[in-house]
Amino acid sequence: MRFLTAGESHGPQLTTIIEGLPAGMPLTAEDINYELARRQKGHGRGRRMKIEKDAADITAGVRHGHTLGSPLALNVTNHDWKHWTGIMGIEPIDDDAASEVKRQVTRPRPGHADLAGGIKYGHRDLRNVLERSSARETTVRVAAGAVAKKVLKGLGIEVAGHVVEIGGVTAQPASYTDLKALQTRTEESPVRCFDEEAEKDMMAAIDDAKANGDSIGGVVEVIVEGMPAGVGSYVHYDRKLDANLARAIMSINAFKGVEFGLGFEMARKPGSQVHDEIAWSAEDGYTRDTNRLGGFEGGMSTGMPIVVKGVMKPIPTLMKPLQSVDIDSKEPFTASIERSDSCAVPAASVVAEAMVAWELAAAITSQFSSDRYDVLQQAVAEHRAHERTF
C-alpha cells in the first residue's frame, strides 16, 4: 500500500490516490468523513475550521460499496477557494500583472518551511511554499488513514488516540477498561483528554496562549490493540515496523519527537525495569505482564498493544509574530501573519492515529497475501493460530 497527496491550502481541492488496497473490502464515504470531522474538532482551532466542512468524494476504486483492487481516488473540496481564485489561480498571468498578485509573501516565518523551501525551489513569493507546507495537507492524510483503519478493523485491530499533555499540563495515566471506553471519553473532550481535571487546565492554557497572541504544543498518544505478533522485520532496517511508525509520526506537521512505550524514560531505568518478561498459557499463547517496550521487539510487533507518543511543537504562526528578514530588501521585519490555530494538539492526535493506522495496514498487506480482502482476513487468522501454538 502507498498513497500520494496533492493540493494547496487555498487551492480548489486536496487529493489522495491510494494504491494496493485489497479488493472486496467494504468502504463508503461515511467511513472517511467521520474521521475528517474528528480532525476539525478541538479547543483552540482557528476560523478555518468554521469555513471548511471537510467531506471526501470517492471518484475511483470503489463500486457498489466495495473496493476493486485498483487505485482509490479521494477528493476534498476547499470551500474557501472561491475567495482565493485571484491569488491562487491556475491559469497563467502576464508579466505586467505578476507584480500585482495579492497576498505575496516575502517575509519568511520562523519555524515554517518558508525560507528553506524558497531557497530549495527558487520561489521569490513564499506563498508558493507555505500553501503546500501547510497542515491543511493532513486532511487527506486523515482520509487515507480512515481507509487504513477500515482495513485493520476487519482484521480485529483497533486504533485509538488521545492527548496526554498540552502546554505543560500533563494528564494522569488513562485508566480505561478497553479502547472503546478510551474513545468514548476522549471523543467527548474538547481537547481529547481522558483526565477531566487536566482537560480543564489544558483548555485554560490554550485560552491564555490565544489571549497573548501565542501558541502551545503538547504530546499525543496512539494505542493499537489486536496487532498480531511478528509483523515487521528484524532483517532489514527499512522494514522495521517501529522505525516506519517513527518516520510516519515525524512526518506530521510540527511533530518533533516520537517514543514507544516508556520511551526516553528507558534511559533512566535499569534493564530489569525496561524489558517485558515472557509468559505462556495454552489458552492465550505467549503473553507479557508488562508492555514497557510499547509492543515492539527487534523491529517487529510482539502482540502486545502498540503504544506510540508524538511531540508536537507550538504552531509557529503567531499573532504576535517573531523577527524575520524580508528576502527582497533584506531588511528586518516581523514575520507575515497567516490565519492559524493557537493549539492544534487535539486535531493532531487524529492525524497521528491516521498515520499509525496507515503504516500498520501497509505492513500487514505487505506481509500477507492481500489481493483479496477475504484472503487477507484468512491469512491473518491463520497467523494468529500459529502464534498460539508456536
Protein backbone atom coordinates (compact mmCIF):
# COMPACT_ATOMS: atom_id res chain seq x y z
CA MET A 1 0.00 0.00 0.00
CA ARG A 2 1.12 3.52 -0.74
CA PHE A 3 -0.55 6.89 -1.07
CA LEU A 4 0.23 10.24 -2.63
CA THR A 5 -1.36 13.56 -1.75
CA ALA A 6 -1.73 16.71 -3.85
CA GLY A 7 -3.19 20.14 -3.28
CA GLU A 8 -2.54 23.52 -1.70
CA SER A 9 -4.09 25.01 1.43
CA HIS A 10 -6.16 27.55 -0.51
CA GLY A 11 -6.30 25.67 -3.82
CA PRO A 12 -9.51 24.18 -5.25
CA GLN A 13 -9.18 20.79 -3.58
CA LEU A 14 -6.98 18.24 -1.84
CA THR A 15 -6.50 14.82 -3.40
CA THR A 16 -5.09 11.47 -2.39
CA ILE A 17 -4.58 8.37 -4.51
CA ILE A 18 -4.19 5.08 -2.66
CA GLU A 19 -2.66 2.06 -4.33
CA GLY A 20 -2.53 -1.52 -3.03
CA LEU A 21 -5.88 -1.86 -1.28
CA PRO A 22 -7.22 -5.42 -1.35
CA ALA A 23 -10.29 -6.00 -3.49
CA GLY A 24 -13.65 -6.72 -1.88
CA MET A 25 -13.27 -4.57 1.24
CA PRO A 26 -16.41 -2.66 2.30
CA LEU A 27 -15.85 1.11 2.06
CA THR A 28 -18.15 4.14 1.92
CA ALA A 29 -17.62 7.90 2.02
CA GLU A 30 -19.16 7.90 5.50
CA ASP A 31 -16.24 5.79 6.79
CA ILE A 32 -13.88 8.55 5.68
CA ASN A 33 -15.99 11.60 6.52
CA TYR A 34 -16.38 10.52 10.14
CA GLU A 35 -12.60 10.78 10.57
CA LEU A 36 -12.43 14.09 8.68
CA ALA A 37 -15.00 15.56 11.07
CA ARG A 38 -12.93 14.40 14.05
CA ARG A 39 -9.87 16.22 12.70
CA GLN A 40 -11.76 19.53 12.60
CA LYS A 41 -12.73 19.49 16.27
CA GLY A 42 -10.78 20.65 19.30
CA HIS A 43 -10.46 23.61 21.63
CA GLY A 44 -8.04 26.13 20.14
CA ARG A 45 -8.85 25.67 16.46
CA GLY A 46 -8.92 28.76 14.25
CA ARG A 47 -11.52 30.28 11.93
CA ARG A 48 -10.60 28.00 9.01
CA MET A 49 -12.48 25.13 10.68
CA LYS A 50 -15.67 27.22 10.57
CA ILE A 51 -15.26 27.78 6.84
CA GLU A 52 -14.40 24.23 5.76
CA LYS A 53 -16.76 21.31 6.36
CA ASP A 54 -14.50 18.61 5.03
CA ALA A 55 -16.05 15.71 3.14
CA ALA A 56 -14.41 13.27 0.76
CA ASP A 57 -15.67 12.30 -2.66
CA ILE A 58 -14.63 8.80 -3.79
CA THR A 59 -14.01 9.16 -7.52
CA ALA A 60 -12.26 5.87 -8.33
CA GLY A 61 -11.54 2.43 -6.92
CA VAL A 62 -14.92 1.60 -5.34
CA ARG A 63 -18.02 0.06 -6.88
CA HIS A 64 -21.26 -0.51 -5.00
CA GLY A 65 -19.59 -0.08 -1.63
CA HIS A 66 -16.59 -2.39 -2.11
CA THR A 67 -13.02 -1.76 -3.22
CA LEU A 68 -11.99 -3.00 -6.65
CA GLY A 69 -8.28 -3.56 -6.02
CA SER A 70 -7.49 -0.69 -8.39
CA PRO A 71 -6.23 2.72 -7.15
CA LEU A 72 -8.63 4.59 -4.88
CA ALA A 73 -9.02 8.33 -5.52
CA LEU A 74 -10.36 10.70 -2.85
CA ASN A 75 -11.00 14.43 -3.25
CA VAL A 76 -11.80 17.02 -0.56
CA THR A 77 -13.07 20.37 -1.81
CA ASN A 78 -11.66 23.57 -0.29
CA HIS A 79 -14.75 25.74 0.10
CA ASP A 80 -12.61 28.80 0.79
CA TRP A 81 -11.17 28.54 -2.74
CA LYS A 82 -13.83 30.94 -4.04
CA HIS A 83 -12.16 33.72 -2.07
CA TRP A 84 -8.68 32.83 -3.33
CA THR A 85 -9.13 32.34 -7.08
CA GLY A 86 -7.35 35.60 -7.88
CA ILE A 87 -4.47 34.76 -5.56
CA MET A 88 -4.13 31.02 -6.20
CA GLY A 89 -5.50 30.81 -9.74
CA ILE A 90 -4.35 28.02 -12.05
CA GLU A 91 -4.24 29.95 -15.32
CA PRO A 92 -1.09 31.92 -16.29
CA ILE A 93 -0.91 35.69 -15.89
CA ASP A 94 1.08 38.14 -17.99
CA ASP A 95 4.32 39.69 -16.76
CA ASP A 96 2.72 43.10 -16.12
CA ALA A 97 0.11 41.58 -13.80
CA ALA A 98 2.61 39.39 -11.95
CA SER A 99 3.77 42.26 -9.76
CA GLU A 100 0.14 42.93 -8.77
CA VAL A 101 -0.63 39.46 -7.41
CA LYS A 102 -2.17 39.94 -3.98
CA ARG A 103 -1.02 38.44 -0.70
CA GLN A 104 2.57 37.82 -1.84
CA VAL A 105 4.86 36.71 0.98
CA THR A 106 8.48 37.87 1.14
CA ARG A 107 8.88 37.71 4.92
CA PRO A 108 9.54 34.09 5.95
CA ARG A 109 8.00 32.94 9.24
CA PRO A 110 10.39 31.35 11.75
CA GLY A 111 9.53 27.70 12.38
CA HIS A 112 7.89 27.22 8.98
CA ALA A 113 9.15 25.80 5.69
CA ASP A 114 9.04 29.27 4.09
CA LEU A 115 12.71 30.23 3.86
CA ALA A 116 14.27 26.79 3.32
CA GLY A 117 11.58 25.93 0.75
CA GLY A 118 12.10 29.21 -1.08
CA ILE A 119 15.84 28.58 -1.26
CA LYS A 120 15.28 25.00 -2.46
CA TYR A 121 12.85 25.80 -5.30
CA GLY A 122 13.84 29.40 -6.05
CA HIS A 123 10.45 30.87 -5.14
CA ARG A 124 10.54 34.63 -4.58
CA ASP A 125 6.91 34.59 -3.45
CA LEU A 126 6.98 32.33 -0.39
CA ARG A 127 3.26 31.67 -0.72
CA ASN A 128 4.33 29.01 -3.21
CA VAL A 129 5.93 27.22 -0.25
CA LEU A 130 3.52 27.84 2.60
CA GLU A 131 0.45 26.78 0.62
CA ARG A 132 1.77 23.24 0.29
CA SER A 133 3.67 23.00 3.57
CA SER A 134 0.50 23.95 5.46
CA ALA A 135 -1.02 21.40 7.84
CA ARG A 136 -4.14 21.59 5.66
CA GLU A 137 -2.47 18.74 3.72
CA THR A 138 -3.13 16.43 6.68
CA THR A 139 -6.83 16.48 5.71
CA VAL A 140 -6.27 13.88 3.02
CA ARG A 141 -3.78 12.01 5.17
CA VAL A 142 -6.62 11.51 7.63
CA ALA A 143 -8.74 10.34 4.70
CA ALA A 144 -6.06 7.79 3.78
CA GLY A 145 -5.82 6.79 7.43
CA ALA A 146 -9.58 6.25 7.57
CA VAL A 147 -9.23 3.74 4.73
CA ALA A 148 -6.36 2.06 6.58
CA LYS A 149 -8.49 1.86 9.73
CA LYS A 150 -11.13 0.08 7.69
CA VAL A 151 -8.53 -2.46 6.55
CA LEU A 152 -7.45 -3.05 10.16
CA LYS A 153 -10.92 -3.19 11.69
CA GLY A 154 -11.89 -6.17 9.56
CA LEU A 155 -8.77 -7.91 10.87
CA GLY A 156 -9.68 -7.32 14.52
CA ILE A 157 -7.25 -4.42 15.01
CA GLU A 158 -8.42 -1.20 16.68
CA VAL A 159 -6.65 2.18 16.77
CA ALA A 160 -7.30 4.99 19.26
CA GLY A 161 -5.54 8.24 20.08
CA HIS A 162 -5.73 10.80 22.86
CA VAL A 163 -3.92 13.83 24.26
CA VAL A 164 -1.66 13.36 27.28
CA GLU A 165 -0.11 16.84 27.54
CA ILE A 166 -0.76 20.41 26.38
CA GLY A 167 1.32 23.43 27.27
CA GLY A 168 2.97 21.74 30.25
CA VAL A 169 -0.32 20.41 31.66
CA THR A 170 0.07 16.62 31.92
CA ALA A 171 -2.84 14.23 32.27
CA GLN A 172 -2.88 11.35 34.71
CA PRO A 173 -2.44 7.93 33.04
CA ALA A 174 -5.76 6.94 31.48
CA SER A 175 -7.41 4.10 33.43
CA TYR A 176 -9.76 2.57 30.87
CA THR A 177 -11.13 -0.96 30.58
CA ASP A 178 -10.80 -1.18 26.79
CA LEU A 179 -10.14 1.06 23.80
CA LYS A 180 -13.85 1.69 23.34
CA ALA A 181 -14.01 3.27 26.79
CA LEU A 182 -10.99 5.45 25.95
CA GLN A 183 -12.55 6.51 22.66
CA THR A 184 -15.94 7.28 24.21
CA ARG A 185 -14.49 9.57 26.86
CA THR A 186 -11.95 11.37 24.66
CA GLU A 187 -14.46 11.96 21.85
CA GLU A 188 -16.49 13.97 24.36
CA SER A 189 -13.48 16.02 25.47
CA PRO A 190 -12.75 19.37 23.72
CA VAL A 191 -9.03 18.54 24.00
CA ARG A 192 -9.32 14.73 23.52
CA CYS A 193 -8.09 14.09 27.05
CA PHE A 194 -9.25 11.23 29.30
CA ASP A 195 -8.42 13.14 32.50
CA GLU A 196 -11.28 15.56 33.21
CA GLU A 197 -9.27 17.71 35.63
CA ALA A 198 -6.33 18.04 33.26
CA GLU A 199 -8.81 18.82 30.47
CA LYS A 200 -9.91 22.00 32.25
CA ASP A 201 -6.33 23.13 32.81
CA MET A 202 -5.42 22.37 29.19
CA MET A 203 -8.30 24.50 27.93
CA ALA A 204 -7.28 27.34 30.23
CA ALA A 205 -3.69 27.12 28.95
CA ILE A 206 -4.96 27.31 25.35
CA ASP A 207 -7.12 30.33 26.15
CA ASP A 208 -4.20 32.07 27.84
CA ALA A 209 -1.96 31.46 24.83
CA LYS A 210 -4.60 32.83 22.46
CA ALA A 211 -5.11 35.93 24.60
CA ASN A 212 -1.36 36.54 24.50
CA GLY A 213 -1.12 36.06 20.72
CA ASP A 214 0.93 32.93 21.33
CA SER A 215 0.64 29.17 20.70
CA ILE A 216 1.32 25.98 22.65
CA GLY A 217 2.11 22.37 21.78
CA GLY A 218 1.79 19.03 23.53
CA VAL A 219 2.01 15.26 23.41
CA VAL A 220 -0.40 12.76 21.84
CA GLU A 221 -0.53 9.01 22.33
CA VAL A 222 -1.80 6.37 19.91
CA ILE A 223 -2.71 2.89 21.16
CA VAL A 224 -3.35 -0.12 18.93
CA GLU A 225 -4.89 -3.37 20.14
CA GLY A 226 -5.19 -6.64 18.25
CA MET A 227 -1.97 -6.38 16.22
CA PRO A 228 -0.61 -9.90 15.61
CA ALA A 229 2.97 -10.69 16.63
CA GLY A 230 5.76 -10.82 14.10
CA VAL A 231 4.66 -8.04 11.75
CA GLY A 232 7.65 -6.04 10.55
CA SER A 233 11.19 -7.39 10.25
CA TYR A 234 14.49 -7.66 12.08
CA VAL A 235 16.25 -8.47 8.80
CA HIS A 236 16.42 -5.07 7.05
CA TYR A 237 16.48 -1.59 8.57
CA ASP A 238 13.80 -0.22 6.24
CA ARG A 239 11.34 -2.99 7.15
CA LYS A 240 11.44 -2.44 10.90
CA LEU A 241 7.85 -1.58 11.75
CA ASP A 242 8.61 0.67 14.72
CA ALA A 243 11.11 2.60 12.60
CA ASN A 244 8.49 3.13 9.90
CA LEU A 245 5.98 4.26 12.52
CA ALA A 246 8.52 6.73 13.90
CA ARG A 247 9.03 8.15 10.41
CA ALA A 248 5.27 8.41 9.90
CA ILE A 249 4.76 10.31 13.17
CA MET A 250 7.67 12.63 12.44
CA SER A 251 6.21 13.38 9.00
CA ILE A 252 3.21 15.12 10.60
CA ASN A 253 3.48 18.90 10.50
CA ALA A 254 5.08 20.36 13.67
CA PHE A 255 5.95 16.96 15.22
CA LYS A 256 9.47 16.94 16.66
CA GLY A 257 9.71 13.78 18.75
CA VAL A 258 8.45 10.21 18.98
CA GLU A 259 8.74 7.41 21.53
CA PHE A 260 7.41 3.89 22.13
CA GLY A 261 6.28 2.52 25.47
CA LEU A 262 8.43 4.02 28.22
CA GLY A 263 10.31 5.92 25.53
CA PHE A 264 13.02 8.29 26.75
CA GLU A 265 12.35 7.20 30.33
CA MET A 266 14.23 3.99 29.46
CA ALA A 267 17.48 5.95 29.60
CA ARG A 268 16.95 6.45 33.32
CA LYS A 269 16.00 2.86 34.24
CA PRO A 270 17.93 -0.42 34.58
CA GLY A 271 17.20 -3.21 32.11
CA SER A 272 15.22 -5.16 34.68
CA GLN A 273 12.66 -2.32 34.68
CA VAL A 274 12.54 -1.91 30.92
CA HIS A 275 12.15 -5.30 29.23
CA ASP A 276 8.91 -7.29 29.21
CA GLU A 277 9.10 -10.81 30.63
CA ILE A 278 7.52 -13.60 28.58
CA ALA A 279 4.81 -16.00 29.78
CA TRP A 280 2.80 -18.72 28.03
CA SER A 281 -0.54 -20.47 28.52
CA ALA A 282 -2.48 -22.94 26.41
CA GLU A 283 -5.40 -20.51 26.26
CA ASP A 284 -3.59 -17.28 25.37
CA GLY A 285 -0.25 -18.42 23.95
CA TYR A 286 2.64 -16.03 24.59
CA THR A 287 1.87 -13.01 26.76
CA ARG A 288 3.67 -10.26 28.71
CA ASP A 289 2.78 -8.96 32.15
CA THR A 290 4.15 -5.53 31.19
CA ASN A 291 4.33 -3.52 27.99
CA ARG A 292 7.23 -1.19 28.65
CA LEU A 293 8.59 -1.54 25.09
CA GLY A 294 5.29 -0.40 23.59
CA GLY A 295 4.54 -3.55 21.63
CA PHE A 296 7.84 -3.91 19.75
CA GLU A 297 10.96 -6.05 19.86
CA GLY A 298 13.53 -6.24 17.08
CA GLY A 299 11.51 -4.03 14.76
CA MET A 300 8.51 -6.39 14.97
CA SER A 301 5.19 -6.34 16.78
CA THR A 302 5.05 -8.56 19.88
CA GLY A 303 1.27 -8.99 20.02
CA MET A 304 1.02 -6.58 22.94
CA PRO A 305 -0.74 -3.23 22.43
CA ILE A 306 1.30 -0.80 20.36
CA VAL A 307 1.84 2.43 22.29
CA VAL A 308 3.45 5.37 20.49
CA LYS A 309 3.69 9.01 21.55
CA GLY A 310 4.36 12.06 19.39
CA VAL A 311 5.55 15.50 20.49
CA MET A 312 4.05 18.49 18.70
CA LYS A 313 5.79 21.85 18.92
CA PRO A 314 3.75 25.06 19.29
CA ILE A 315 2.38 26.22 15.96
CA PRO A 316 4.89 28.78 14.62
CA THR A 317 2.31 31.14 13.11
CA LEU A 318 1.85 33.71 15.88
CA MET A 319 -0.46 36.69 16.19
CA LYS A 320 2.47 38.50 17.77
CA PRO A 321 4.98 37.45 15.11
CA LEU A 322 8.66 36.78 15.57
CA GLN A 323 11.50 38.70 13.94
CA SER A 324 12.43 37.86 10.36
CA VAL A 325 14.11 39.32 7.27
CA ASP A 326 12.46 40.35 4.00
CA ILE A 327 14.03 38.23 1.25
CA ASP A 328 13.79 41.09 -1.27
CA SER A 329 15.01 44.10 0.72
CA LYS A 330 16.99 42.08 3.33
CA GLU A 331 15.58 44.49 5.91
CA PRO A 332 14.48 43.14 9.30
CA PHE A 333 10.71 42.85 9.75
CA THR A 334 8.23 40.95 11.84
CA ALA A 335 7.16 37.77 10.02
CA SER A 336 3.99 37.54 7.94
CA ILE A 337 0.79 36.50 9.76
CA GLU A 338 -1.41 33.78 8.29
CA ARG A 339 -4.68 32.64 9.86
CA SER A 340 -3.87 29.91 12.35
CA ASP A 341 -4.80 27.96 15.48
CA SER A 342 -3.47 28.73 18.96
CA CYS A 343 -3.29 24.98 19.62
CA ALA A 344 -3.88 22.06 17.25
CA VAL A 345 -2.77 19.20 19.51
CA PRO A 346 -6.29 17.65 19.77
CA ALA A 347 -6.56 17.61 15.97
CA ALA A 348 -3.00 16.32 15.68
CA SER A 349 -3.96 13.26 17.73
CA VAL A 350 -6.42 12.33 14.96
CA VAL A 351 -3.69 12.79 12.34
CA ALA A 352 -1.36 10.62 14.42
CA GLU A 353 -3.99 7.88 14.56
CA ALA A 354 -4.27 8.05 10.78
CA MET A 355 -0.54 7.76 10.19
CA VAL A 356 -0.15 4.86 12.65
CA ALA A 357 -3.11 3.06 11.07
CA TRP A 358 -1.61 3.58 7.62
CA GLU A 359 1.79 2.11 8.49
CA LEU A 360 0.23 -0.91 10.21
CA ALA A 361 -2.13 -1.62 7.31
CA ALA A 362 0.73 -1.21 4.84
CA ALA A 363 2.90 -3.63 6.82
CA ILE A 364 0.15 -6.25 7.04
CA THR A 365 -0.78 -6.07 3.36
CA SER A 366 2.91 -6.36 2.51
CA GLN A 367 3.49 -9.40 4.73
CA PHE A 368 0.33 -11.37 3.93
CA SER A 369 -1.45 -12.19 0.69
CA SER A 370 -3.64 -9.15 0.10
CA ASP A 371 -5.06 -9.04 -3.41
CA ARG A 372 -8.40 -10.09 -1.91
CA TYR A 373 -9.71 -8.90 1.45
CA ASP A 374 -11.25 -12.26 2.37
CA VAL A 375 -7.93 -14.00 1.65
CA LEU A 376 -6.11 -11.41 3.78
CA GLN A 377 -8.52 -11.98 6.64
CA GLN A 378 -7.96 -15.73 6.43
CA ALA A 379 -4.17 -15.31 6.30
CA VAL A 380 -4.14 -13.14 9.43
CA ALA A 381 -6.43 -15.59 11.24
CA GLU A 382 -4.08 -18.47 10.37
CA HIS A 383 -1.11 -16.44 11.60
CA ARG A 384 -2.84 -15.83 14.92
CA ALA A 385 -3.45 -19.56 15.28
CA HIS A 386 0.26 -20.13 14.55
CA GLU A 387 1.15 -17.63 17.31
CA ARG A 388 -0.81 -19.57 19.92
CA THR A 389 0.66 -22.96 19.01
CA PHE A 390 4.26 -21.95 18.27
